[in-house]
Protein backbone atom coordinates (compact mmCIF):
# COMPACT_ATOMS: atom_id res chain seq x y z
CA UNK A 1 165.39 -3.96 89.49
CA UNK A 2 162.04 -3.56 91.06
CA UNK A 3 158.68 -2.51 89.14
CA UNK A 4 158.74 0.86 90.65
CA UNK A 5 162.10 1.67 89.63
CA UNK A 6 161.33 0.69 85.93
CA UNK A 7 158.23 2.98 85.99
CA UNK A 8 160.43 5.87 86.99
CA UNK A 9 162.97 5.27 84.50
CA UNK A 10 160.47 4.89 81.74
CA UNK A 11 158.86 8.05 82.78
CA UNK A 12 159.31 10.81 80.29
CA UNK A 13 162.11 13.45 81.44
CA UNK A 14 160.81 16.98 81.03
CA UNK A 15 163.47 19.86 80.92
CA UNK A 16 162.04 23.21 81.89
CA UNK A 17 163.69 26.25 80.61
CA UNK A 18 164.77 28.70 82.80
CA UNK A 19 161.68 31.29 83.49
CA UNK A 20 162.31 34.93 82.83
CA UNK A 21 160.65 38.20 83.95
CA UNK A 22 160.35 39.46 80.43
CA UNK A 23 156.80 39.56 79.04
CA UNK A 24 155.90 38.05 75.90
CA UNK A 25 155.98 39.95 72.45
CA UNK A 26 153.47 39.19 69.77
CA UNK A 27 156.32 37.63 67.86
CA UNK A 28 157.15 34.95 70.55
CA UNK A 29 153.54 33.38 70.07
CA UNK A 30 154.78 31.31 66.90
CA UNK A 31 151.15 30.84 65.57
CA UNK A 32 152.41 29.16 62.41
CA UNK A 33 153.34 26.11 64.74
CA UNK A 34 149.60 25.75 65.23
CA UNK A 35 148.87 25.67 61.73
CA UNK A 36 151.74 23.31 61.12
CA UNK A 37 150.61 20.78 63.64
CA UNK A 38 147.12 20.75 63.32
CA UNK A 39 146.83 17.17 62.70
CA UNK A 40 148.79 16.27 65.77
CA UNK A 41 146.67 18.57 67.74
CA UNK A 42 143.49 17.01 66.50
CA UNK A 43 144.82 13.63 67.56
CA UNK A 44 145.61 14.85 71.05
CA UNK A 45 142.04 16.35 71.21
CA UNK A 46 140.48 13.32 70.39
CA UNK A 47 142.71 11.22 72.83
CA UNK A 48 141.69 14.01 75.54
CA UNK A 49 138.10 13.46 74.68
CA UNK A 50 138.24 9.78 74.91
CA UNK A 51 140.05 9.87 78.32
CA UNK A 52 137.57 12.36 79.74
CA UNK A 53 134.21 10.86 78.79
CA UNK A 54 134.58 7.03 78.67
CA UNK A 55 135.54 7.20 82.70
CA UNK A 56 132.38 9.24 83.21
CA UNK A 57 130.10 6.54 81.58
CA UNK A 58 131.95 3.82 83.68
CA UNK A 59 131.76 5.68 87.06
CA UNK A 60 128.04 6.58 86.45
CA UNK A 61 127.14 3.08 85.60
CA UNK A 62 128.91 1.53 88.53
CA UNK A 63 127.84 4.21 90.85
CA UNK A 64 124.24 4.32 90.65
CA UNK A 65 123.39 0.80 91.71
CA UNK A 66 125.41 1.63 94.77
CA UNK A 67 123.83 4.96 95.38
CA UNK A 68 120.22 3.53 94.97
CA UNK A 69 121.40 0.80 97.61
CA UNK A 70 122.35 3.39 99.83
CA UNK A 71 119.39 5.69 99.50
CA UNK A 72 116.86 3.01 100.02
CA UNK A 73 118.71 2.04 103.61
CA UNK A 74 118.92 5.70 104.60
CA UNK A 75 115.30 5.80 106.06
CA UNK A 76 115.52 2.15 107.56
CA UNK A 77 116.83 0.65 110.90
CA UNK A 78 119.83 2.95 112.51
CA UNK A 79 122.39 -0.05 111.94
CA UNK A 80 121.67 0.33 107.94
CA UNK A 81 121.63 3.82 107.73
CA UNK A 82 124.94 3.76 109.63
CA UNK A 83 125.97 1.55 106.79
CA UNK A 84 124.73 3.88 104.20
CA UNK A 85 126.59 6.77 105.46
CA UNK A 86 129.84 4.88 105.73
CA UNK A 87 129.42 4.15 102.09
CA UNK A 88 129.00 7.40 101.18
CA UNK A 89 131.83 8.70 103.20
CA UNK A 90 134.29 6.05 101.76
CA UNK A 91 133.31 6.79 98.09
CA UNK A 92 133.81 10.40 99.11
CA UNK A 93 137.24 9.98 100.35
CA UNK A 94 138.51 8.39 96.87
CA UNK A 95 138.43 11.95 95.58
CA UNK A 96 140.59 13.16 98.00
CA UNK A 97 143.37 11.02 96.48
CA UNK A 98 145.81 13.32 94.37
CA UNK A 99 145.40 12.68 90.77
CA UNK A 100 149.20 12.53 89.91
CA UNK A 101 149.72 9.97 92.67
CA UNK A 102 147.10 7.67 91.53
CA UNK A 103 147.99 7.63 87.86
CA UNK A 104 151.48 6.66 89.01
CA UNK A 105 150.00 4.19 91.19
CA UNK A 106 147.88 2.54 88.54
CA UNK A 107 150.80 0.72 86.79
CA UNK A 108 151.88 -1.05 90.09
CA UNK A 109 148.26 -2.01 90.42
CA UNK A 110 147.22 -2.81 86.75
CA UNK A 111 150.81 -3.87 85.52
CA UNK A 112 150.52 -1.55 82.59
CA UNK A 113 152.96 0.71 81.15
CA UNK A 114 153.55 3.76 82.98
CA UNK A 115 152.52 5.75 79.66
CA UNK A 116 149.57 3.60 79.01
CA UNK A 117 146.05 5.44 78.45
CA UNK A 118 144.43 2.65 80.87
CA UNK A 119 146.15 4.27 83.73
CA UNK A 120 144.11 7.38 83.38
CA UNK A 121 140.90 5.66 82.18
CA UNK A 122 141.01 3.45 85.51
CA UNK A 123 141.70 6.72 87.47
CA UNK A 124 139.43 8.79 86.10
CA UNK A 125 136.67 6.27 86.30
CA UNK A 126 137.50 5.83 90.23
CA UNK A 127 136.94 9.83 90.44
CA UNK A 128 133.64 9.56 88.55
CA UNK A 129 132.46 7.11 90.75
CA UNK A 130 133.29 8.84 93.79
CA UNK A 131 131.37 11.91 92.39
CA UNK A 132 128.43 10.04 91.25
CA UNK A 133 127.54 8.00 94.23
CA UNK A 134 126.73 11.06 96.28
CA UNK A 135 125.00 12.66 93.13
CA UNK A 136 123.07 9.35 92.68
CA UNK A 137 121.89 9.10 96.20
CA UNK A 138 120.98 12.93 96.27
CA UNK A 139 118.82 12.14 93.00
CA UNK A 140 117.10 9.18 94.35
CA UNK A 141 116.27 11.11 97.71
CA UNK A 142 114.80 13.84 95.59
CA UNK A 143 112.05 11.35 94.51
CA UNK A 144 109.06 12.48 96.78
CA UNK A 145 107.62 10.24 99.35
CA UNK A 146 104.25 10.19 97.73
CA UNK A 147 105.88 8.42 94.35
CA UNK A 148 107.07 5.58 96.67
CA UNK A 149 103.74 5.18 98.55
CA UNK A 150 101.81 5.12 95.16
CA UNK A 151 104.08 2.65 93.80
CA UNK A 152 103.46 0.19 96.58
CA UNK A 153 99.82 0.93 96.49
CA UNK A 154 99.60 0.31 92.63
CA UNK A 155 101.63 -2.96 93.23
CA UNK A 156 104.94 -2.07 91.36
CA UNK A 157 107.56 -4.55 92.06
CA UNK A 158 110.80 -2.84 93.20
CA UNK A 159 112.44 -3.13 89.73
CA UNK A 160 109.69 -1.70 88.03
CA UNK A 161 109.17 1.14 90.45
CA UNK A 162 113.04 1.82 89.77
CA UNK A 163 112.92 1.83 86.09
CA UNK A 164 109.64 3.46 85.52
CA UNK A 165 109.27 5.90 88.14
CA UNK A 166 112.24 6.60 90.58
CA UNK A 167 115.06 6.64 87.95
CA UNK A 168 113.23 9.17 85.43
CA UNK A 169 112.27 11.43 88.37
CA UNK A 170 115.92 11.15 89.29
CA UNK A 171 117.37 12.24 85.89
CA UNK A 172 117.65 15.68 86.59
CA UNK A 173 119.91 15.71 89.75
CA UNK A 174 121.78 12.61 87.99
CA UNK A 175 122.55 14.75 84.87
CA UNK A 176 123.76 17.69 87.30
CA UNK A 177 126.40 15.10 88.54
CA UNK A 178 127.15 13.95 85.39
CA UNK A 179 127.95 17.50 84.20
CA UNK A 180 130.25 18.38 87.19
CA UNK A 181 132.14 14.84 86.54
CA UNK A 182 132.61 15.45 83.11
CA UNK A 183 134.06 18.90 83.39
CA UNK A 184 136.23 17.74 86.37
CA UNK A 185 137.50 14.71 84.17
CA UNK A 186 138.50 17.03 81.08
CA UNK A 187 140.52 19.19 83.61
CA UNK A 188 142.24 16.12 85.20
CA UNK A 189 143.06 14.40 81.73
CA UNK A 190 145.77 16.92 81.32
CA UNK A 191 147.52 15.87 84.46
CA UNK A 192 148.21 12.53 82.61
CA UNK A 193 150.81 14.11 80.14
CA UNK A 194 153.06 14.73 83.28
CA UNK A 195 153.73 10.73 83.14
CA UNK A 196 153.49 10.58 79.24
CA UNK A 197 150.32 10.01 78.37
CA UNK A 198 149.11 11.85 75.28
CA UNK A 199 146.47 14.29 75.69
CA UNK A 200 146.09 18.00 75.49
CA UNK A 201 148.08 18.29 78.32
CA UNK A 202 151.05 17.08 76.07
CA UNK A 203 150.78 20.83 74.69
CA UNK A 204 151.42 22.17 78.01
CA UNK A 205 154.55 20.29 78.69
CA UNK A 206 155.85 20.21 75.40
CA UNK A 207 155.32 24.17 74.84
CA UNK A 208 156.91 24.63 78.25
CA UNK A 209 160.05 22.55 77.40
CA UNK A 210 160.60 24.07 73.94
CA UNK A 211 159.32 27.79 74.92
CA UNK A 212 156.48 27.88 72.48
CA UNK A 213 153.80 29.82 74.13
CA UNK A 214 151.19 29.46 71.36
CA UNK A 215 151.32 25.55 71.97
CA UNK A 216 150.40 25.91 75.78
CA UNK A 217 147.57 28.51 74.58
CA UNK A 218 146.26 26.14 72.14
CA UNK A 219 146.02 23.40 74.59
CA UNK A 220 144.53 25.70 77.06
CA UNK A 221 141.54 26.83 74.53
CA UNK A 222 140.85 23.42 73.48
CA UNK A 223 140.36 22.06 76.88
CA UNK A 224 138.05 24.95 77.81
CA UNK A 225 136.27 24.36 74.46
CA UNK A 226 135.83 20.61 75.22
CA UNK A 227 134.57 21.36 78.58
CA UNK A 228 131.93 23.99 77.16
CA UNK A 229 130.72 21.80 74.31
CA UNK A 230 130.26 18.68 76.45
CA UNK A 231 128.64 20.72 79.05
CA UNK A 232 126.04 22.11 76.39
CA UNK A 233 125.67 18.83 75.02
CA UNK A 234 124.74 17.34 78.27
CA UNK A 235 122.25 20.10 78.68
CA UNK A 236 120.38 19.35 75.66
CA UNK A 237 120.09 15.86 76.63
CA UNK A 238 118.81 16.54 80.06
CA UNK A 239 116.19 18.40 78.34
CA UNK A 240 115.46 15.62 75.97
CA UNK A 241 115.23 13.19 78.84
CA UNK A 242 112.98 15.06 80.76
CA UNK A 243 110.41 16.56 78.64
CA UNK A 244 107.87 16.78 81.57
CA UNK A 245 110.07 19.45 83.15
CA UNK A 246 109.41 21.81 80.48
CA UNK A 247 105.45 20.95 80.54
CA UNK A 248 105.70 21.71 84.40
CA UNK A 249 107.25 25.02 83.93
CA UNK A 250 104.83 26.21 81.17
CA UNK A 251 101.91 25.25 83.36
CA UNK A 252 103.27 26.94 86.12
CA UNK A 253 103.73 30.19 83.94
CA UNK A 254 100.07 29.89 82.44
CA UNK A 255 98.07 32.68 83.57
CA UNK A 256 95.37 30.48 84.76
CA UNK A 257 97.62 29.43 87.51
CA UNK A 258 98.01 33.07 88.60
CA UNK A 259 94.59 34.40 88.83
CA UNK A 260 93.78 36.84 91.74
CA UNK A 261 92.06 35.45 94.83
CA UNK A 262 88.94 37.64 93.95
CA UNK A 263 88.65 35.77 90.67
CA UNK A 264 87.56 32.69 92.70
CA UNK A 265 84.78 34.40 94.62
CA UNK A 266 81.09 33.49 93.34
CA UNK A 267 79.39 36.23 91.81
CA UNK A 268 76.93 38.15 93.74
CA UNK A 269 73.46 37.86 93.24
CA UNK A 270 71.30 40.45 92.19
CA UNK A 271 68.23 41.51 94.20
């Protein structure tokens, strides 16, 4: 029996009840189920969080060197610019692979069980890498040319310039890409429940199979809250990493920077 046949046979079966057009009543929600299974819901929430955040970190760490490599060569000779564009396009194509297909292919590539969380971790790391390559290129391209010229004039080595100048200035755009990748991953982790990987998506499949609307609603609300909380934390982290941006904004809003043209005129001398 082939490996693919074993994977298909090992996948959990989902029995979907017949759908009806009758509206749900308040008595159909079964909110007591949520209270009785709070510990299980907490375990699924932590599993969902782990599967959503770790791939972003892995994808970002792998993507940033690739993005810096592509960004450095975009303004050089035509053949090198072509190579950088090809690299960006290939990384973008990875994101077009359907998530459920990639989750099912991972056991064939990694030799893992169909219900192993490693399948989701690797697949979402690929998606995060795809998103962060383009975000990283845009981030390094946002560094002004004057900074590059100043780094060369001051004798910075390429490593010093990257760590002390380019990377700090690219942080706002990089963090914006990380926010997008994080929210996208939190949404896609739920798809893994279709092949039996435990997450908040398990509440969707189980609630649908057992006709418990409150279970489905709990999964939706918790997924939304996870995305909102993580996005807020990333916003706060961005502000902590870029204190110079707050100083720049405050300086621009300073009344001294909004003086009228008349205030710069020299005073008229009295006769």
